[in-house]
Amino acid sequence: MLKNLLTTLQKTLGDNVRIQPVPCVGRCQEAPVTVVGQNPIATATVEKTMAAIDTNQTNAPIANYINREQYEQEGGYQTLQSASMVNVTPNISLPSWKILAYAV
């Protein structure tokens, strides 16, 4: 599928556009992906990629995220707040020494 996508795009676009196969763009969950400028095209097809090129969509769209204040007004962090108000005592004894583990 990916090879067909690359071949078809190369034939369709010719030398007007540089097509560069790369090993990773960090979007495996949306594969196959083409990138037009800095705009990743999820589940890419020739048609979707050509539409982005034809309309000069070279920047990724910015999602309409809510800010922290709105998130809190809509009930965000309630579980965290209620959990932090509970006095929890572990029912196991821990040794006096500690183990610090971290990934390098």
Protein backbone atom coordinates (compact mmCIF):
# COMPACT_ATOMS: atom_id res chain seq x y z
CA MET A 1 0.00 0.00 0.00
CA LEU A 2 2.74 2.47 0.99
CA LYS A 3 4.83 1.60 -2.04
CA ASN A 4 1.80 2.13 -4.28
CA LEU A 5 1.14 5.48 -2.57
CA LEU A 6 4.73 6.63 -3.15
CA THR A 7 4.80 5.44 -6.74
CA THR A 8 1.46 7.04 -7.60
CA LEU A 9 2.42 10.35 -5.98
CA GLN A 10 5.73 10.41 -7.85
CA LYS A 11 4.00 9.74 -11.17
CA THR A 12 1.27 12.29 -10.49
CA LEU A 13 3.52 15.08 -9.19
CA GLY A 14 6.56 14.46 -11.33
CA ASP A 15 9.59 16.61 -10.58
CA ASN A 16 7.54 19.50 -9.18
CA VAL A 17 7.55 18.05 -5.67
CA ARG A 18 10.26 16.27 -3.73
CA ILE A 19 9.08 12.92 -2.40
CA GLN A 20 11.34 11.56 0.26
CA PRO A 21 10.60 8.18 1.84
CA VAL A 22 11.58 8.27 5.52
CA PRO A 23 11.58 5.52 8.16
CA CYS A 24 9.51 7.37 10.76
CA VAL A 25 7.44 10.51 11.30
CA GLY A 26 6.18 9.46 14.74
CA ARG A 27 2.60 8.69 13.73
CA CYS A 28 2.37 4.91 13.51
CA GLN A 29 -1.20 5.02 14.83
CA GLU A 30 -2.21 7.01 11.72
CA ALA A 31 -0.22 5.11 9.09
CA PRO A 32 0.29 5.49 6.26
CA VAL A 33 1.29 9.12 6.68
CA THR A 34 2.48 11.66 4.15
CA VAL A 35 3.80 15.05 5.20
CA VAL A 36 3.12 18.12 3.09
CA GLY A 37 5.51 20.79 4.34
CA GLN A 38 4.95 20.45 8.10
CA ASN A 39 1.44 19.06 7.79
CA PRO A 40 1.12 15.33 8.49
CA ILE A 41 -1.67 13.71 6.51
CA ALA A 42 -3.10 10.80 8.54
CA THR A 43 -4.24 7.62 6.82
CA ALA A 44 -2.83 9.15 3.68
CA THR A 45 -4.18 8.51 0.25
CA VAL A 46 -3.15 10.05 -3.05
CA GLU A 47 -6.37 12.11 -2.99
CA LYS A 48 -5.84 13.45 0.54
CA THR A 49 -2.21 14.26 -0.14
CA MET A 50 -3.01 15.96 -3.45
CA ALA A 51 -5.78 18.00 -1.79
CA ALA A 52 -3.29 19.27 0.82
CA ILE A 53 -0.80 20.17 -1.93
CA ASP A 54 -3.41 21.82 -4.16
CA THR A 55 -4.74 23.97 -1.30
CA ASN A 56 -1.26 24.76 0.06
CA GLN A 57 -1.96 23.18 3.45
CA THR A 58 1.66 23.06 4.58
CA ASN A 59 1.11 23.69 8.30
CA ALA A 60 -0.54 21.26 10.67
CA PRO A 61 -3.98 22.38 11.81
CA ILE A 62 -4.09 23.57 15.42
CA ALA A 63 -6.64 21.76 17.54
CA ASN A 64 -9.16 23.80 19.50
CA TYR A 65 -8.00 22.86 22.99
CA ILE A 66 -9.54 24.26 26.14
CA ASN A 67 -7.36 26.02 28.71
CA ARG A 68 -6.78 24.84 32.28
CA GLU A 69 -9.33 27.23 33.75
CA GLN A 70 -12.09 25.95 31.45
CA TYR A 71 -11.03 22.36 32.13
CA GLU A 72 -11.38 22.91 35.88
CA GLN A 73 -14.75 24.65 35.42
CA GLU A 74 -15.96 21.57 33.54
CA GLY A 75 -14.96 19.26 36.40
CA GLY A 76 -11.37 18.52 35.48
CA TYR A 77 -9.05 17.33 38.28
CA GLN A 78 -11.97 16.35 40.57
CA THR A 79 -10.73 12.76 40.90
CA LEU A 80 -7.21 13.94 41.66
CA GLN A 81 -8.45 16.43 44.23
CA SER A 82 -10.69 13.89 45.98
CA ALA A 83 -7.88 11.31 46.01
CA SER A 84 -5.43 13.77 47.51
CA MET A 85 -7.87 14.57 50.35
CA VAL A 86 -8.07 10.93 51.46
CA ASN A 87 -5.65 9.88 54.20
CA VAL A 88 -4.28 6.58 52.95
CA THR A 89 -2.12 4.40 55.18
CA PRO A 90 -0.32 1.52 53.47
CA ASN A 91 -0.96 -1.89 55.03
CA ILE A 92 2.53 -3.19 54.35
CA SER A 93 5.83 -2.54 56.05
CA LEU A 94 8.57 -1.15 53.90
CA PRO A 95 12.23 -1.77 54.66
CA SER A 96 14.21 1.17 55.99
CA TRP A 97 16.32 1.25 52.80
CA LYS A 98 15.04 2.67 49.56
CA ILE A 99 15.57 1.65 45.96
CA LEU A 100 15.76 4.33 43.33
CA ALA A 101 15.12 3.03 39.84
CA TYR A 102 15.26 5.10 36.71
CA ALA A 103 15.65 4.60 33.02
CA VAL A 104 18.66 6.05 31.29
